[in-house]
Amino acid sequence: MALSVSALVLFAILCIIFIRNKQMKIPHAIVAALFGFMLHETTVATSINSLLANLAHSISGITGG
């Protein structure tokens, strides 16, 4: 688990750097995808999933969809 968390932190830092420098190219997108896969395996994934579901429900309620 410690190795997984370390990799997750590394991918998060790399994604933040790439986005802040506005240099998101193909290799950077691969790093972002790896960050997403690593994040999916953590306990935070359920919280993020419910947050996005609630956000989508709120937006659909506003737009009348």
PDB file of N, CA and C in Angstrom:
ATOM      1  N   MET A   1       0.826  -1.200   0.000  1.00  0.00           N
ATOM      2  CA  MET A   1       0.000   0.000   0.000  1.00  0.00           C
ATOM      3  C   MET A   1       0.865   1.256   0.000  1.00  0.00           C
ATOM      4  N   ALA A   2       1.994   1.243   0.694  1.00  0.00           N
ATOM      5  CA  ALA A   2       2.851   2.428   0.759  1.00  0.00           C
ATOM      6  C   ALA A   2       3.390   2.790  -0.615  1.00  0.00           C
ATOM      7  N   LEU A   3       3.726   1.779  -1.403  1.00  0.00           N
ATOM      8  CA  LEU A   3       4.215   2.042  -2.752  1.00  0.00           C
ATOM      9  C   LEU A   3       3.104   2.640  -3.605  1.00  0.00           C
ATOM     10  N   SER A   4       1.904   2.159  -3.454  1.00  0.00           N
ATOM     11  CA  SER A   4       0.761   2.668  -4.201  1.00  0.00           C
ATOM     12  C   SER A   4       0.484   4.126  -3.852  1.00  0.00           C
ATOM     13  N   VAL A   5       0.529   4.469  -2.583  1.00  0.00           N
ATOM     14  CA  VAL A   5       0.281   5.846  -2.158  1.00  0.00           C
ATOM     15  C   VAL A   5       1.395   6.754  -2.661  1.00  0.00           C
ATOM     16  N   SER A   6       2.635   6.280  -2.627  1.00  0.00           N
ATOM     17  CA  SER A   6       3.754   7.086  -3.119  1.00  0.00           C
ATOM     18  C   SER A   6       3.612   7.367  -4.609  1.00  0.00           C
ATOM     19  N   ALA A   7       3.223   6.358  -5.369  1.00  0.00           N
ATOM     20  CA  ALA A   7       3.017   6.547  -6.802  1.00  0.00           C
ATOM     21  C   ALA A   7       1.859   7.508  -7.046  1.00  0.00           C
ATOM     22  N   LEU A   8       0.818   7.409  -6.242  1.00  0.00           N
ATOM     23  CA  LEU A   8      -0.334   8.300  -6.376  1.00  0.00           C
ATOM     24  C   LEU A   8       0.077   9.743  -6.140  1.00  0.00           C
ATOM     25  N   VAL A   9       0.871   9.986  -5.120  1.00  0.00           N
ATOM     26  CA  VAL A   9       1.335  11.341  -4.826  1.00  0.00           C
ATOM     27  C   VAL A   9       2.232  11.854  -5.955  1.00  0.00           C
ATOM     28  N   LEU A  10       3.109  11.002  -6.464  1.00  0.00           N
ATOM     29  CA  LEU A  10       3.986  11.387  -7.564  1.00  0.00           C
ATOM     30  C   LEU A  10       3.185  11.769  -8.802  1.00  0.00           C
ATOM     31  N   PHE A  11       2.199  10.955  -9.173  1.00  0.00           N
ATOM     32  CA  PHE A  11       1.376  11.264 -10.342  1.00  0.00           C
ATOM     33  C   PHE A  11       0.566  12.538 -10.126  1.00  0.00           C
ATOM     34  N   ALA A  12       0.096  12.771  -8.913  1.00  0.00           N
ATOM     35  CA  ALA A  12      -0.653  13.991  -8.627  1.00  0.00           C
ATOM     36  C   ALA A  12       0.222  15.222  -8.797  1.00  0.00           C
ATOM     37  N   ILE A  13       1.438  15.166  -8.293  1.00  0.00           N
ATOM     38  CA  ILE A  13       2.354  16.301  -8.415  1.00  0.00           C
ATOM     39  C   ILE A  13       2.689  16.562  -9.879  1.00  0.00           C
ATOM     40  N   LEU A  14       2.946  15.494 -10.633  1.00  0.00           N
ATOM     41  CA  LEU A  14       3.255  15.662 -12.057  1.00  0.00           C
ATOM     42  C   LEU A  14       2.072  16.263 -12.824  1.00  0.00           C
ATOM     43  N   CYS A  15       0.874  15.806 -12.523  1.00  0.00           N
ATOM     44  CA  CYS A  15      -0.313  16.362 -13.197  1.00  0.00           C
ATOM     45  C   CYS A  15      -0.481  17.846 -12.886  1.00  0.00           C
ATOM     46  N   ILE A  16      -0.297  18.222 -11.646  1.00  0.00           N
ATOM     47  CA  ILE A  16      -0.433  19.631 -11.261  1.00  0.00           C
ATOM     48  C   ILE A  16       0.605  20.483 -11.975  1.00  0.00           C
ATOM     49  N   ILE A  17       1.838  19.996 -12.045  1.00  0.00           N
ATOM     50  CA  ILE A  17       2.895  20.750 -12.728  1.00  0.00           C
ATOM     51  C   ILE A  17       2.564  20.910 -14.207  1.00  0.00           C
ATOM     52  N   PHE A  18       2.139  19.838 -14.857  1.00  0.00           N
ATOM     53  CA  PHE A  18       1.840  19.908 -16.292  1.00  0.00           C
ATOM     54  C   PHE A  18       0.667  20.842 -16.579  1.00  0.00           C
ATOM     55  N   ILE A  19      -0.346  20.800 -15.749  1.00  0.00           N
ATOM     56  CA  ILE A  19      -1.513  21.651 -15.975  1.00  0.00           C
ATOM     57  C   ILE A  19      -1.169  23.116 -15.704  1.00  0.00           C
ATOM     58  N   ARG A  20      -0.402  23.387 -14.659  1.00  0.00           N
ATOM     59  CA  ARG A  20      -0.032  24.776 -14.347  1.00  0.00           C
ATOM     60  C   ARG A  20       0.841  25.389 -15.427  1.00  0.00           C
ATOM     61  N   ASN A  21       1.715  24.578 -16.039  1.00  0.00           N
ATOM     62  CA  ASN A  21       2.603  25.077 -17.086  1.00  0.00           C
ATOM     63  C   ASN A  21       1.942  25.064 -18.469  1.00  0.00           C
ATOM     64  N   LYS A  22       0.703  24.628 -18.538  1.00  0.00           N
ATOM     65  CA  LYS A  22      -0.056  24.544 -19.796  1.00  0.00           C
ATOM     66  C   LYS A  22       0.718  23.758 -20.847  1.00  0.00           C
ATOM     67  N   GLN A  23       1.267  22.633 -20.432  1.00  0.00           N
ATOM     68  CA  GLN A  23       2.042  21.787 -21.319  1.00  0.00           C
ATOM     69  C   GLN A  23       1.481  20.372 -21.367  1.00  0.00           C
ATOM     70  N   MET A  24       0.187  20.209 -21.333  1.00  0.00           N
ATOM     71  CA  MET A  24      -0.413  18.883 -21.309  1.00  0.00           C
ATOM     72  C   MET A  24      -0.382  18.283 -22.713  1.00  0.00           C
ATOM     73  N   LYS A  25       0.614  17.473 -22.975  1.00  0.00           N
ATOM     74  CA  LYS A  25       0.770  16.792 -24.257  1.00  0.00           C
ATOM     75  C   LYS A  25       0.486  15.307 -24.057  1.00  0.00           C
ATOM     76  N   ILE A  26       0.705  14.484 -25.073  1.00  0.00           N
ATOM     77  CA  ILE A  26       0.377  13.064 -25.012  1.00  0.00           C
ATOM     78  C   ILE A  26       1.053  12.354 -23.824  1.00  0.00           C
ATOM     79  N   PRO A  27       2.372  12.499 -23.625  1.00  0.00           N
ATOM     80  CA  PRO A  27       2.971  11.823 -22.457  1.00  0.00           C
ATOM     81  C   PRO A  27       2.388  12.315 -21.128  1.00  0.00           C
ATOM     82  N   HIS A  28       2.042  13.579 -21.083  1.00  0.00           N
ATOM     83  CA  HIS A  28       1.457  14.126 -19.858  1.00  0.00           C
ATOM     84  C   HIS A  28       0.051  13.578 -19.647  1.00  0.00           C
ATOM     85  N   ALA A  29      -0.673  13.399 -20.729  1.00  0.00           N
ATOM     86  CA  ALA A  29      -2.008  12.811 -20.621  1.00  0.00           C
ATOM     87  C   ALA A  29      -1.923  11.371 -20.132  1.00  0.00           C
ATOM     88  N   ILE A  30      -0.866  10.666 -20.526  1.00  0.00           N
ATOM     89  CA  ILE A  30      -0.669   9.296 -20.050  1.00  0.00           C
ATOM     90  C   ILE A  30      -0.426   9.304 -18.539  1.00  0.00           C
ATOM     91  N   VAL A  31       0.362  10.262 -18.076  1.00  0.00           N
ATOM     92  CA  VAL A  31       0.600  10.396 -16.631  1.00  0.00           C
ATOM     93  C   VAL A  31      -0.716  10.697 -15.919  1.00  0.00           C
ATOM     94  N   ALA A  32      -1.535  11.567 -16.509  1.00  0.00           N
ATOM     95  CA  ALA A  32      -2.833  11.893 -15.905  1.00  0.00           C
ATOM     96  C   ALA A  32      -3.735  10.663 -15.856  1.00  0.00           C
ATOM     97  N   ALA A  33      -3.701   9.856 -16.905  1.00  0.00           N
ATOM     98  CA  ALA A  33      -4.500   8.626 -16.921  1.00  0.00           C
ATOM     99  C   ALA A  33      -4.009   7.653 -15.849  1.00  0.00           C
ATOM    100  N   LEU A  34      -2.688   7.526 -15.706  1.00  0.00           N
ATOM    101  CA  LEU A  34      -2.141   6.661 -14.662  1.00  0.00           C
ATOM    102  C   LEU A  34      -2.551   7.161 -13.277  1.00  0.00           C
ATOM    103  N   PHE A  35      -2.575   8.481 -13.105  1.00  0.00           N
ATOM    104  CA  PHE A  35      -3.039   9.059 -11.842  1.00  0.00           C
ATOM    105  C   PHE A  35      -4.491   8.659 -11.584  1.00  0.00           C
ATOM    106  N   GLY A  36      -5.312   8.710 -12.621  1.00  0.00           N
ATOM    107  CA  GLY A  36      -6.708   8.317 -12.469  1.00  0.00           C
ATOM    108  C   GLY A  36      -6.863   6.857 -12.089  1.00  0.00           C
ATOM    109  N   PHE A  37      -6.076   5.983 -12.721  1.00  0.00           N
ATOM    110  CA  PHE A  37      -6.138   4.567 -12.384  1.00  0.00           C
ATOM    111  C   PHE A  37      -5.667   4.309 -10.954  1.00  0.00           C
ATOM    112  N   MET A  38      -4.615   5.011 -10.537  1.00  0.00           N
ATOM    113  CA  MET A  38      -4.132   4.841  -9.173  1.00  0.00           C
ATOM    114  C   MET A  38      -5.156   5.380  -8.164  1.00  0.00           C
ATOM    115  N   LEU A  39      -5.795   6.504  -8.499  1.00  0.00           N
ATOM    116  CA  LEU A  39      -6.782   7.105  -7.609  1.00  0.00           C
ATOM    117  C   LEU A  39      -8.005   6.210  -7.472  1.00  0.00           C
ATOM    118  N   HIS A  40      -8.331   5.481  -8.525  1.00  0.00           N
ATOM    119  CA  HIS A  40      -9.492   4.599  -8.510  1.00  0.00           C
ATOM    120  C   HIS A  40      -9.346   3.490  -7.467  1.00  0.00           C
ATOM    121  N   GLU A  41      -8.132   3.104  -7.157  1.00  0.00           N
ATOM    122  CA  GLU A  41      -7.896   2.009  -6.223  1.00  0.00           C
ATOM    123  C   GLU A  41      -7.868   2.456  -4.768  1.00  0.00           C
ATOM    124  N   THR A  42      -8.041   3.735  -4.501  1.00  0.00           N
ATOM    125  CA  THR A  42      -7.993   4.217  -3.121  1.00  0.00           C
ATOM    126  C   THR A  42      -9.396   4.308  -2.537  1.00  0.00           C
ATOM    127  N   THR A  43      -9.473   4.603  -1.251  1.00  0.00           N
ATOM    128  CA  THR A  43     -10.776   4.747  -0.601  1.00  0.00           C
ATOM    129  C   THR A  43     -11.444   6.074  -0.956  1.00  0.00           C
ATOM    130  N   VAL A  44     -10.691   7.007  -1.520  1.00  0.00           N
ATOM    131  CA  VAL A  44     -11.239   8.306  -1.907  1.00  0.00           C
ATOM    132  C   VAL A  44     -12.138   8.164  -3.138  1.00  0.00           C
ATOM    133  N   ALA A  45     -11.980   7.075  -3.881  1.00  0.00           N
ATOM    134  CA  ALA A  45     -12.713   6.893  -5.132  1.00  0.00           C
ATOM    135  C   ALA A  45     -14.228   6.932  -4.918  1.00  0.00           C
ATOM    136  N   THR A  46     -14.721   6.337  -3.847  1.00  0.00           N
ATOM    137  CA  THR A  46     -16.168   6.339  -3.621  1.00  0.00           C
ATOM    138  C   THR A  46     -16.687   7.749  -3.337  1.00  0.00           C
ATOM    139  N   SER A  47     -15.906   8.531  -2.610  1.00  0.00           N
ATOM    140  CA  SER A  47     -16.311   9.915  -2.333  1.00  0.00           C
ATOM    141  C   SER A  47     -16.335  10.749  -3.605  1.00  0.00           C
ATOM    142  N   ILE A  48     -15.321  10.582  -4.446  1.00  0.00           N
ATOM    143  CA  ILE A  48     -15.262  11.321  -5.705  1.00  0.00           C
ATOM    144  C   ILE A  48     -16.406  10.905  -6.614  1.00  0.00           C
ATOM    145  N   ASN A  49     -16.693   9.615  -6.657  1.00  0.00           N
ATOM    146  CA  ASN A  49     -17.783   9.116  -7.497  1.00  0.00           C
ATOM    147  C   ASN A  49     -19.127   9.681  -7.053  1.00  0.00           C
ATOM    148  N   SER A  50     -19.383   9.704  -5.766  1.00  0.00           N
ATOM    149  CA  SER A  50     -20.656  10.247  -5.285  1.00  0.00           C
ATOM    150  C   SER A  50     -20.736  11.756  -5.501  1.00  0.00           C
ATOM    151  N   LEU A  51     -19.617  12.459  -5.352  1.00  0.00           N
ATOM    152  CA  LEU A  51     -19.586  13.895  -5.611  1.00  0.00           C
ATOM    153  C   LEU A  51     -19.929  14.190  -7.072  1.00  0.00           C
ATOM    154  N   LEU A  52     -19.317  13.453  -7.993  1.00  0.00           N
ATOM    155  CA  LEU A  52     -19.593  13.667  -9.418  1.00  0.00           C
ATOM    156  C   LEU A  52     -21.023  13.289  -9.776  1.00  0.00           C
ATOM    157  N   ALA A  53     -21.545  12.236  -9.168  1.00  0.00           N
ATOM    158  CA  ALA A  53     -22.938  11.841  -9.425  1.00  0.00           C
ATOM    159  C   ALA A  53     -23.899  12.919  -8.933  1.00  0.00           C
ATOM    160  N   ASN A  54     -23.642  13.473  -7.749  1.00  0.00           N
ATOM    161  CA  ASN A  54     -24.496  14.544  -7.221  1.00  0.00           C
ATOM    162  C   ASN A  54     -24.398  15.803  -8.080  1.00  0.00           C
ATOM    163  N   LEU A  55     -23.194  16.100  -8.552  1.00  0.00           N
ATOM    164  CA  LEU A  55     -23.007  17.261  -9.419  1.00  0.00           C
ATOM    165  C   LEU A  55     -23.763  17.090 -10.734  1.00  0.00           C
ATOM    166  N   ALA A  56     -23.675  15.903 -11.317  1.00  0.00           N
ATOM    167  CA  ALA A  56     -24.402  15.627 -12.559  1.00  0.00           C
ATOM    168  C   ALA A  56     -25.908  15.703 -12.340  1.00  0.00           C
ATOM    169  N   HIS A  57     -26.361  15.200 -11.212  1.00  0.00           N
ATOM    170  CA  HIS A  57     -27.803  15.270 -10.907  1.00  0.00           C
ATOM    171  C   HIS A  57     -28.235  16.724 -10.744  1.00  0.00           C
ATOM    172  N   SER A  58     -27.440  17.535 -10.087  1.00  0.00           N
ATOM    173  CA  SER A  58     -27.773  18.959  -9.905  1.00  0.00           C
ATOM    174  C   SER A  58     -27.820  19.694 -11.230  1.00  0.00           C
ATOM    175  N   ILE A  59     -26.847  19.417 -12.094  1.00  0.00           N
ATOM    176  CA  ILE A  59     -26.803  20.083 -13.406  1.00  0.00           C
ATOM    177  C   ILE A  59     -27.997  19.653 -14.249  1.00  0.00           C
ATOM    178  N   SER A  60     -28.346  18.374 -14.208  1.00  0.00           N
ATOM    179  CA  SER A  60     -29.497  17.932 -15.002  1.00  0.00           C
ATOM    180  C   SER A  60     -30.786  18.526 -14.458  1.00  0.00           C
ATOM    181  N   GLY A  61     -30.842  18.769 -13.147  1.00  0.00           N
ATOM    182  CA  GLY A  61     -32.026  19.410 -12.565  1.00  0.00           C
ATOM    183  C   GLY A  61     -32.146  20.859 -12.986  1.00  0.00           C
ATOM    184  N   ILE A  62     -31.029  21.548 -13.129  1.00  0.00           N
ATOM    185  CA  ILE A  62     -31.025  22.949 -13.552  1.00  0.00           C
ATOM    186  C   ILE A  62     -31.418  23.073 -15.018  1.00  0.00           C
ATOM    187  N   THR A  63     -30.866  22.191 -15.847  1.00  0.00           N
ATOM    188  CA  THR A  63     -31.118  22.269 -17.291  1.00  0.00           C
ATOM    189  C   THR A  63     -32.457  21.652 -17.678  1.00  0.00           C
ATOM    190  N   GLY A  64     -33.114  20.969 -16.752  1.00  0.00           N
ATOM    191  CA  GLY A  64     -34.410  20.390 -17.050  1.00  0.00           C
ATOM    192  C   GLY A  64     -34.307  19.056 -17.761  1.00  0.00           C
ATOM    193  N   GLY A  65     -33.134  18.423 -17.734  1.00  0.00           N
ATOM    194  CA  GLY A  65     -32.933  17.149 -18.421  1.00  0.00           C
ATOM    195  C   GLY A  65     -33.216  16.051 -17.528  1.00  0.00           C
TER     196      GLY A  65
END
